[in-house]
Amino acid sequence: MRSIYDFSKKLKELNDAQNYLETLSYFKKNKINFNDQEISKNAYIISDMLKACRYTNNFSIALKFLESYKISINPSVDKKILIQYGWLLYSW
């Protein structure tokens, strides 16, 4: 993995292809290449992970994901994350 951008781009590609289980697996295998802060500051990664969790019915994993990366849902969070979080709750 070269950069956080490449990592984020690959997650998006997997989600766009509706390979949600593969998105989760890819994240799990490759997250070690980046520190927690790099991941938690990337709204694209967070929103893609929430989306993948929603479409695979992994609601508790989504909440653990948010907790482990210390992402609190509040009005100042990036809109992409809020939208995916809203859909996650709706689907749950």
PDB file of N, CA and C in Angstrom:
ATOM      1  N   MET A   1       0.849  -1.171   0.000  1.00  0.00           N
ATOM      2  CA  MET A   1       0.000   0.000   0.000  1.00  0.00           C
ATOM      3  C   MET A   1       0.892   1.230   0.000  1.00  0.00           C
ATOM      4  N   ARG A   2       0.626   2.121  -0.874  1.00  0.00           N
ATOM      5  CA  ARG A   2       1.454   3.300  -1.003  1.00  0.00           C
ATOM      6  C   ARG A   2       1.050   4.447  -0.093  1.00  0.00           C
ATOM      7  N   SER A   3      -0.196   4.825  -0.150  1.00  0.00           N
ATOM      8  CA  SER A   3      -0.631   6.000   0.606  1.00  0.00           C
ATOM      9  C   SER A   3      -2.042   5.795   1.128  1.00  0.00           C
ATOM     10  N   ILE A   4      -2.409   6.667   2.047  1.00  0.00           N
ATOM     11  CA  ILE A   4      -3.771   6.620   2.581  1.00  0.00           C
ATOM     12  C   ILE A   4      -4.777   6.905   1.460  1.00  0.00           C
ATOM     13  N   TYR A   5      -4.365   7.724   0.492  1.00  0.00           N
ATOM     14  CA  TYR A   5      -5.227   8.015  -0.655  1.00  0.00           C
ATOM     15  C   TYR A   5      -5.494   6.743  -1.460  1.00  0.00           C
ATOM     16  N   ASP A   6      -4.453   5.969  -1.733  1.00  0.00           N
ATOM     17  CA  ASP A   6      -4.613   4.720  -2.484  1.00  0.00           C
ATOM     18  C   ASP A   6      -5.501   3.735  -1.719  1.00  0.00           C
ATOM     19  N   PHE A   7      -5.300   3.677  -0.417  1.00  0.00           N
ATOM     20  CA  PHE A   7      -6.106   2.808   0.444  1.00  0.00           C
ATOM     21  C   PHE A   7      -7.581   3.216   0.357  1.00  0.00           C
ATOM     22  N   SER A   8      -7.838   4.497   0.491  1.00  0.00           N
ATOM     23  CA  SER A   8      -9.193   5.022   0.424  1.00  0.00           C
ATOM     24  C   SER A   8      -9.817   4.761  -0.949  1.00  0.00           C
ATOM     25  N   LYS A   9      -9.039   4.970  -1.979  1.00  0.00           N
ATOM     26  CA  LYS A   9      -9.524   4.773  -3.349  1.00  0.00           C
ATOM     27  C   LYS A   9      -9.924   3.316  -3.586  1.00  0.00           C
ATOM     28  N   LYS A  10      -9.129   2.383  -3.086  1.00  0.00           N
ATOM     29  CA  LYS A  10      -9.439   0.962  -3.265  1.00  0.00           C
ATOM     30  C   LYS A  10     -10.717   0.583  -2.514  1.00  0.00           C
ATOM     31  N   LEU A  11     -10.895   1.104  -1.306  1.00  0.00           N
ATOM     32  CA  LEU A  11     -12.128   0.842  -0.555  1.00  0.00           C
ATOM     33  C   LEU A  11     -13.341   1.350  -1.322  1.00  0.00           C
ATOM     34  N   LYS A  12     -13.228   2.526  -1.900  1.00  0.00           N
ATOM     35  CA  LYS A  12     -14.327   3.096  -2.682  1.00  0.00           C
ATOM     36  C   LYS A  12     -14.631   2.239  -3.903  1.00  0.00           C
ATOM     37  N   GLU A  13     -13.584   1.793  -4.582  1.00  0.00           N
ATOM     38  CA  GLU A  13     -13.779   0.942  -5.761  1.00  0.00           C
ATOM     39  C   GLU A  13     -14.522  -0.346  -5.395  1.00  0.00           C
ATOM     40  N   LEU A  14     -14.139  -0.952  -4.289  1.00  0.00           N
ATOM     41  CA  LEU A  14     -14.811  -2.169  -3.846  1.00  0.00           C
ATOM     42  C   LEU A  14     -16.271  -1.902  -3.504  1.00  0.00           C
ATOM     43  N   ASN A  15     -16.529  -0.806  -2.820  1.00  0.00           N
ATOM     44  CA  ASN A  15     -17.915  -0.454  -2.486  1.00  0.00           C
ATOM     45  C   ASN A  15     -18.725  -0.136  -3.737  1.00  0.00           C
ATOM     46  N   ASP A  16     -18.113   0.598  -4.657  1.00  0.00           N
ATOM     47  CA  ASP A  16     -18.821   0.946  -5.891  1.00  0.00           C
ATOM     48  C   ASP A  16     -19.196  -0.299  -6.692  1.00  0.00           C
ATOM     49  N   ALA A  17     -18.368  -1.345  -6.579  1.00  0.00           N
ATOM     50  CA  ALA A  17     -18.654  -2.612  -7.251  1.00  0.00           C
ATOM     51  C   ALA A  17     -19.571  -3.504  -6.407  1.00  0.00           C
ATOM     52  N   GLN A  18     -20.028  -2.993  -5.287  1.00  0.00           N
ATOM     53  CA  GLN A  18     -20.905  -3.689  -4.350  1.00  0.00           C
ATOM     54  C   GLN A  18     -20.265  -4.955  -3.776  1.00  0.00           C
ATOM     55  N   ASN A  19     -18.947  -4.926  -3.626  1.00  0.00           N
ATOM     56  CA  ASN A  19     -18.201  -6.012  -2.996  1.00  0.00           C
ATOM     57  C   ASN A  19     -17.960  -5.655  -1.535  1.00  0.00           C
ATOM     58  N   TYR A  20     -19.035  -5.583  -0.778  1.00  0.00           N
ATOM     59  CA  TYR A  20     -18.959  -5.060   0.580  1.00  0.00           C
ATOM     60  C   TYR A  20     -18.172  -5.963   1.525  1.00  0.00           C
ATOM     61  N   LEU A  21     -18.315  -7.268   1.394  1.00  0.00           N
ATOM     62  CA  LEU A  21     -17.523  -8.176   2.235  1.00  0.00           C
ATOM     63  C   LEU A  21     -16.041  -8.039   1.913  1.00  0.00           C
ATOM     64  N   GLU A  22     -15.745  -7.876   0.649  1.00  0.00           N
ATOM     65  CA  GLU A  22     -14.358  -7.681   0.237  1.00  0.00           C
ATOM     66  C   GLU A  22     -13.820  -6.346   0.762  1.00  0.00           C
ATOM     67  N   THR A  23     -14.662  -5.333   0.823  1.00  0.00           N
ATOM     68  CA  THR A  23     -14.260  -4.050   1.398  1.00  0.00           C
ATOM     69  C   THR A  23     -13.825  -4.233   2.840  1.00  0.00           C
ATOM     70  N   LEU A  24     -14.633  -4.951   3.614  1.00  0.00           N
ATOM     71  CA  LEU A  24     -14.300  -5.187   5.018  1.00  0.00           C
ATOM     72  C   LEU A  24     -13.019  -5.999   5.163  1.00  0.00           C
ATOM     73  N   SER A  25     -12.870  -7.001   4.334  1.00  0.00           N
ATOM     74  CA  SER A  25     -11.674  -7.839   4.373  1.00  0.00           C
ATOM     75  C   SER A  25     -10.431  -7.043   3.974  1.00  0.00           C
ATOM     76  N   TYR A  26     -10.552  -6.247   2.931  1.00  0.00           N
ATOM     77  CA  TYR A  26      -9.426  -5.433   2.457  1.00  0.00           C
ATOM     78  C   TYR A  26      -8.989  -4.445   3.540  1.00  0.00           C
ATOM     79  N   PHE A  27      -9.955  -3.832   4.186  1.00  0.00           N
ATOM     80  CA  PHE A  27      -9.626  -2.901   5.270  1.00  0.00           C
ATOM     81  C   PHE A  27      -8.874  -3.619   6.379  1.00  0.00           C
ATOM     82  N   LYS A  28      -9.396  -4.759   6.787  1.00  0.00           N
ATOM     83  CA  LYS A  28      -8.797  -5.507   7.892  1.00  0.00           C
ATOM     84  C   LYS A  28      -7.350  -5.899   7.584  1.00  0.00           C
ATOM     85  N   LYS A  29      -7.090  -6.315   6.346  1.00  0.00           N
ATOM     86  CA  LYS A  29      -5.751  -6.751   5.954  1.00  0.00           C
ATOM     87  C   LYS A  29      -4.763  -5.590   5.817  1.00  0.00           C
ATOM     88  N   ASN A  30      -5.249  -4.429   5.419  1.00  0.00           N
ATOM     89  CA  ASN A  30      -4.349  -3.342   5.062  1.00  0.00           C
ATOM     90  C   ASN A  30      -4.296  -2.181   6.044  1.00  0.00           C
ATOM     91  N   LYS A  31      -5.143  -2.185   7.046  1.00  0.00           N
ATOM     92  CA  LYS A  31      -5.165  -1.069   7.998  1.00  0.00           C
ATOM     93  C   LYS A  31      -3.859  -0.956   8.774  1.00  0.00           C
ATOM     94  N   ILE A  32      -3.113  -2.037   8.888  1.00  0.00           N
ATOM     95  CA  ILE A  32      -1.851  -2.015   9.636  1.00  0.00           C
ATOM     96  C   ILE A  32      -0.805  -1.112   8.991  1.00  0.00           C
ATOM     97  N   ASN A  33      -1.013  -0.762   7.740  1.00  0.00           N
ATOM     98  CA  ASN A  33      -0.070   0.117   7.036  1.00  0.00           C
ATOM     99  C   ASN A  33      -0.237   1.588   7.408  1.00  0.00           C
ATOM    100  N   PHE A  34      -1.242   1.884   8.207  1.00  0.00           N
ATOM    101  CA  PHE A  34      -1.551   3.275   8.553  1.00  0.00           C
ATOM    102  C   PHE A  34      -1.837   3.379  10.040  1.00  0.00           C
ATOM    103  N   ASN A  35      -1.558   4.538  10.608  1.00  0.00           N
ATOM    104  CA  ASN A  35      -1.868   4.704  12.022  1.00  0.00           C
ATOM    105  C   ASN A  35      -3.338   5.093  12.181  1.00  0.00           C
ATOM    106  N   ASP A  36      -3.823   4.966  13.404  1.00  0.00           N
ATOM    107  CA  ASP A  36      -5.238   5.225  13.681  1.00  0.00           C
ATOM    108  C   ASP A  36      -5.652   6.636  13.304  1.00  0.00           C
ATOM    109  N   GLN A  37      -4.775   7.590  13.529  1.00  0.00           N
ATOM    110  CA  GLN A  37      -5.121   8.983  13.226  1.00  0.00           C
ATOM    111  C   GLN A  37      -5.293   9.205  11.724  1.00  0.00           C
ATOM    112  N   GLU A  38      -4.463   8.576  10.918  1.00  0.00           N
ATOM    113  CA  GLU A  38      -4.601   8.707   9.465  1.00  0.00           C
ATOM    114  C   GLU A  38      -5.963   8.198   9.013  1.00  0.00           C
ATOM    115  N   ILE A  39      -6.361   7.084   9.580  1.00  0.00           N
ATOM    116  CA  ILE A  39      -7.654   6.504   9.205  1.00  0.00           C
ATOM    117  C   ILE A  39      -8.802   7.353   9.737  1.00  0.00           C
ATOM    118  N   SER A  40      -8.730   7.740  10.988  1.00  0.00           N
ATOM    119  CA  SER A  40      -9.842   8.481  11.593  1.00  0.00           C
ATOM    120  C   SER A  40     -10.034   9.869  10.994  1.00  0.00           C
ATOM    121  N   LYS A  41      -9.018  10.428  10.388  1.00  0.00           N
ATOM    122  CA  LYS A  41      -9.123  11.755   9.774  1.00  0.00           C
ATOM    123  C   LYS A  41      -9.609  11.704   8.329  1.00  0.00           C
ATOM    124  N   ASN A  42      -9.798  10.493   7.802  1.00  0.00           N
ATOM    125  CA  ASN A  42     -10.205  10.345   6.410  1.00  0.00           C
ATOM    126  C   ASN A  42     -11.695  10.029   6.327  1.00  0.00           C
ATOM    127  N   ALA A  43     -12.477  11.034   6.008  1.00  0.00           N
ATOM    128  CA  ALA A  43     -13.939  10.885   5.966  1.00  0.00           C
ATOM    129  C   ALA A  43     -14.373   9.872   4.913  1.00  0.00           C
ATOM    130  N   TYR A  44     -13.611   9.741   3.845  1.00  0.00           N
ATOM    131  CA  TYR A  44     -13.972   8.787   2.796  1.00  0.00           C
ATOM    132  C   TYR A  44     -13.859   7.349   3.305  1.00  0.00           C
ATOM    133  N   ILE A  45     -12.783   7.054   4.024  1.00  0.00           N
ATOM    134  CA  ILE A  45     -12.604   5.715   4.578  1.00  0.00           C
ATOM    135  C   ILE A  45     -13.704   5.408   5.582  1.00  0.00           C
ATOM    136  N   ILE A  46     -13.971   6.350   6.466  1.00  0.00           N
ATOM    137  CA  ILE A  46     -14.995   6.129   7.497  1.00  0.00           C
ATOM    138  C   ILE A  46     -16.359   5.891   6.856  1.00  0.00           C
ATOM    139  N   SER A  47     -16.732   6.725   5.912  1.00  0.00           N
ATOM    140  CA  SER A  47     -18.052   6.567   5.296  1.00  0.00           C
ATOM    141  C   SER A  47     -18.131   5.277   4.486  1.00  0.00           C
ATOM    142  N   ASP A  48     -17.048   4.897   3.799  1.00  0.00           N
ATOM    143  CA  ASP A  48     -17.067   3.639   3.047  1.00  0.00           C
ATOM    144  C   ASP A  48     -17.157   2.429   3.966  1.00  0.00           C
ATOM    145  N   MET A  49     -16.507   2.497   5.098  1.00  0.00           N
ATOM    146  CA  MET A  49     -16.582   1.390   6.039  1.00  0.00           C
ATOM    147  C   MET A  49     -17.987   1.278   6.645  1.00  0.00           C
ATOM    148  N   LEU A  50     -18.599   2.397   6.964  1.00  0.00           N
ATOM    149  CA  LEU A  50     -19.971   2.368   7.485  1.00  0.00           C
ATOM    150  C   LEU A  50     -20.925   1.795   6.451  1.00  0.00           C
ATOM    151  N   LYS A  51     -20.721   2.171   5.201  1.00  0.00           N
ATOM    152  CA  LYS A  51     -21.567   1.660   4.126  1.00  0.00           C
ATOM    153  C   LYS A  51     -21.395   0.147   3.975  1.00  0.00           C
ATOM    154  N   ALA A  52     -20.163  -0.324   3.991  1.00  0.00           N
ATOM    155  CA  ALA A  52     -19.909  -1.759   3.861  1.00  0.00           C
ATOM    156  C   ALA A  52     -20.517  -2.527   5.032  1.00  0.00           C
ATOM    157  N   CYS A  53     -20.403  -1.980   6.217  1.00  0.00           N
ATOM    158  CA  CYS A  53     -21.009  -2.623   7.393  1.00  0.00           C
ATOM    159  C   CYS A  53     -22.527  -2.667   7.268  1.00  0.00           C
ATOM    160  N   ARG A  54     -23.098  -1.599   6.759  1.00  0.00           N
ATOM    161  CA  ARG A  54     -24.560  -1.557   6.600  1.00  0.00           C
ATOM    162  C   ARG A  54     -25.034  -2.617   5.616  1.00  0.00           C
ATOM    163  N   TYR A  55     -24.383  -2.711   4.480  1.00  0.00           N
ATOM    164  CA  TYR A  55     -24.826  -3.654   3.452  1.00  0.00           C
ATOM    165  C   TYR A  55     -24.511  -5.112   3.781  1.00  0.00           C
ATOM    166  N   THR A  56     -23.671  -5.346   4.769  1.00  0.00           N
ATOM    167  CA  THR A  56     -23.395  -6.720   5.205  1.00  0.00           C
ATOM    168  C   THR A  56     -24.062  -7.024   6.544  1.00  0.00           C
ATOM    169  N   ASN A  57     -24.906  -6.100   7.005  1.00  0.00           N
ATOM    170  CA  ASN A  57     -25.633  -6.252   8.271  1.00  0.00           C
ATOM    171  C   ASN A  57     -24.708  -6.437   9.471  1.00  0.00           C
ATOM    172  N   ASN A  58     -23.574  -5.774   9.430  1.00  0.00           N
ATOM    173  CA  ASN A  58     -22.611  -5.802  10.535  1.00  0.00           C
ATOM    174  C   ASN A  58     -22.728  -4.517  11.351  1.00  0.00           C
ATOM    175  N   PHE A  59     -23.885  -4.319  11.941  1.00  0.00           N
ATOM    176  CA  PHE A  59     -24.159  -3.076  12.646  1.00  0.00           C
ATOM    177  C   PHE A  59     -23.289  -2.921  13.892  1.00  0.00           C
ATOM    178  N   SER A  60     -23.118  -3.990  14.634  1.00  0.00           N
ATOM    179  CA  SER A  60     -22.290  -3.889  15.843  1.00  0.00           C
ATOM    180  C   SER A  60     -20.822  -3.648  15.485  1.00  0.00           C
ATOM    181  N   ILE A  61     -20.370  -4.211  14.377  1.00  0.00           N
ATOM    182  CA  ILE A  61     -18.998  -3.961  13.932  1.00  0.00           C
ATOM    183  C   ILE A  61     -18.833  -2.489  13.556  1.00  0.00           C
ATOM    184  N   ALA A  62     -19.843  -1.912  12.935  1.00  0.00           N
ATOM    185  CA  ALA A  62     -19.783  -0.499  12.568  1.00  0.00           C
ATOM    186  C   ALA A  62     -19.629   0.373  13.811  1.00  0.00           C
ATOM    187  N   LEU A  63     -20.377   0.050  14.848  1.00  0.00           N
ATOM    188  CA  LEU A  63     -20.283   0.833  16.082  1.00  0.00           C
ATOM    189  C   LEU A  63     -18.930   0.637  16.760  1.00  0.00           C
ATOM    190  N   LYS A  64     -18.411  -0.579  16.740  1.00  0.00           N
ATOM    191  CA  LYS A  64     -17.082  -0.838  17.293  1.00  0.00           C
ATOM    192  C   LYS A  64     -16.014  -0.108  16.483  1.00  0.00           C
ATOM    193  N   PHE A  65     -16.198  -0.057  15.182  1.00  0.00           N
ATOM    194  CA  PHE A  65     -15.287   0.663  14.300  1.00  0.00           C
ATOM    195  C   PHE A  65     -15.227   2.141  14.687  1.00  0.00           C
ATOM    196  N   LEU A  66     -16.394   2.747  14.841  1.00  0.00           N
ATOM    197  CA  LEU A  66     -16.443   4.163  15.235  1.00  0.00           C
ATOM    198  C   LEU A  66     -15.792   4.371  16.596  1.00  0.00           C
ATOM    199  N   GLU A  67     -16.055   3.465  17.497  1.00  0.00           N
ATOM    200  CA  GLU A  67     -15.485   3.573  18.842  1.00  0.00           C
ATOM    201  C   GLU A  67     -13.965   3.413  18.817  1.00  0.00           C
ATOM    202  N   SER A  68     -13.483   2.441  18.095  1.00  0.00           N
ATOM    203  CA  SER A  68     -12.039   2.179  18.102  1.00  0.00           C
ATOM    204  C   SER A  68     -11.244   3.301  17.443  1.00  0.00           C
ATOM    205  N   TYR A  69     -11.848   3.996  16.488  1.00  0.00           N
ATOM    206  CA  TYR A  69     -11.163   5.125  15.849  1.00  0.00           C
ATOM    207  C   TYR A  69     -11.577   6.470  16.453  1.00  0.00           C
ATOM    208  N   LYS A  70     -12.286   6.389  17.575  1.00  0.00           N
ATOM    209  CA  LYS A  70     -12.682   7.575  18.344  1.00  0.00           C
ATOM    210  C   LYS A  70     -13.412   8.620  17.488  1.00  0.00           C
ATOM    211  N   ILE A  71     -14.385   8.135  16.730  1.00  0.00           N
ATOM    212  CA  ILE A  71     -15.179   9.014  15.884  1.00  0.00           C
ATOM    213  C   ILE A  71     -16.514   9.231  16.578  1.00  0.00           C
ATOM    214  N   SER A  72     -16.740  10.445  17.003  1.00  0.00           N
ATOM    215  CA  SER A  72     -18.018  10.750  17.638  1.00  0.00           C
ATOM    216  C   SER A  72     -18.920  11.429  16.614  1.00  0.00           C
ATOM    217  N   ILE A  73     -20.159  11.026  16.643  1.00  0.00           N
ATOM    218  CA  ILE A  73     -21.132  11.569  15.704  1.00  0.00           C
ATOM    219  C   ILE A  73     -21.741  12.818  16.323  1.00  0.00           C
ATOM    220  N   ASN A  74     -21.490  13.936  15.671  1.00  0.00           N
ATOM    221  CA  ASN A  74     -22.016  15.224  16.113  1.00  0.00           C
ATOM    222  C   ASN A  74     -22.147  16.126  14.895  1.00  0.00           C
ATOM    223  N   PRO A  75     -22.751  17.292  15.034  1.00  0.00           N
ATOM    224  CA  PRO A  75     -22.980  18.159  13.874  1.00  0.00           C
ATOM    225  C   PRO A  75     -21.713  18.619  13.136  1.00  0.00           C
ATOM    226  N   SER A  76     -20.556  18.536  13.777  1.00  0.00           N
ATOM    227  CA  SER A  76     -19.339  18.994  13.104  1.00  0.00           C
ATOM    228  C   SER A  76     -18.646  17.900  12.293  1.00  0.00           C
ATOM    229  N   VAL A  77     -19.173  16.674  12.346  1.00  0.00           N
ATOM    230  CA  VAL A  77     -18.589  15.571  11.580  1.00  0.00           C
ATOM    231  C   VAL A  77     -18.876  15.784  10.100  1.00  0.00           C
ATOM    232  N   ASP A  78     -17.958  15.334   9.263  1.00  0.00           N
ATOM    233  CA  ASP A  78     -18.110  15.458   7.817  1.00  0.00           C
ATOM    234  C   ASP A  78     -19.462  14.896   7.363  1.00  0.00           C
ATOM    235  N   LYS A  79     -20.060  15.566   6.406  1.00  0.00           N
ATOM    236  CA  LYS A  79     -21.390  15.210   5.912  1.00  0.00           C
ATOM    237  C   LYS A  79     -21.447  13.768   5.391  1.00  0.00           C
ATOM    238  N   LYS A  80     -20.385  13.308   4.743  1.00  0.00           N
ATOM    239  CA  LYS A  80     -20.360  11.935   4.218  1.00  0.00           C
ATOM    240  C   LYS A  80     -20.535  10.917   5.339  1.00  0.00           C
ATOM    241  N   ILE A  81     -19.894  11.172   6.455  1.00  0.00           N
ATOM    242  CA  ILE A  81     -19.986  10.264   7.600  1.00  0.00           C
ATOM    243  C   ILE A  81     -21.380  10.320   8.204  1.00  0.00           C
ATOM    244  N   LEU A  82     -21.920  11.521   8.354  1.00  0.00           N
ATOM    245  CA  LEU A  82     -23.267  11.663   8.924  1.00  0.00           C
ATOM    246  C   LEU A  82     -24.309  10.936   8.080  1.00  0.00           C
ATOM    247  N   ILE A  83     -24.190  11.053   6.772  1.00  0.00           N
ATOM    248  CA  ILE A  83     -25.151  10.394   5.879  1.00  0.00           C
ATOM    249  C   ILE A  83     -25.069   8.883   6.034  1.00  0.00           C
ATOM    250  N   GLN A  84     -23.862   8.337   6.011  1.00  0.00           N
ATOM    251  CA  GLN A  84     -23.715   6.888   6.143  1.00  0.00           C
ATOM    252  C   GLN A  84     -24.141   6.398   7.527  1.00  0.00           C
ATOM    253  N   TYR A  85     -23.857   7.188   8.539  1.00  0.00           N
ATOM    254  CA  TYR A  85     -24.293   6.834   9.889  1.00  0.00           C
ATOM    255  C   TYR A  85     -25.819   6.825   9.963  1.00  0.00           C
ATOM    256  N   GLY A  86     -26.449   7.802   9.371  1.00  0.00           N
ATOM    257  CA  GLY A  86     -27.908   7.852   9.330  1.00  0.00           C
ATOM    258  C   GLY A  86     -28.495   6.642   8.632  1.00  0.00           C
ATOM    259  N   TRP A  87     -27.938   6.273   7.496  1.00  0.00           N
ATOM    260  CA  TRP A  87     -28.406   5.087   6.778  1.00  0.00           C
ATOM    261  C   TRP A  87     -28.160   3.818   7.576  1.00  0.00           C
ATOM    262  N   LEU A  88     -27.043   3.774   8.266  1.00  0.00           N
ATOM    263  CA  LEU A  88     -26.726   2.625   9.121  1.00  0.00           C
ATOM    264  C   LEU A  88     -27.800   2.455  10.192  1.00  0.00           C
ATOM    265  N   LEU A  89     -28.130   3.540  10.863  1.00  0.00           N
ATOM    266  CA  LEU A  89     -29.163   3.485  11.901  1.00  0.00           C
ATOM    267  C   LEU A  89     -30.513   3.121  11.320  1.00  0.00           C
ATOM    268  N   TYR A  90     -30.837   3.689  10.180  1.00  0.00           N
ATOM    269  CA  TYR A  90     -32.117   3.396   9.522  1.00  0.00           C
ATOM    270  C   TYR A  90     -32.213   1.906   9.185  1.00  0.00           C
ATOM    271  N   SER A  91     -31.126   1.339   8.658  1.00  0.00           N
ATOM    272  CA  SER A  91     -31.126  -0.065   8.260  1.00  0.00           C
ATOM    273  C   SER A  91     -31.145  -1.001   9.460  1.00  0.00           C
ATOM    274  N   TRP A  92     -30.574  -0.538  10.560  1.00  0.00           N
ATOM    275  CA  TRP A  92     -30.503  -1.357  11.764  1.00  0.00           C
ATOM    276  C   TRP A  92     -31.904  -1.530  12.324  1.00  0.00           C
TER     277      TRP A  92
END
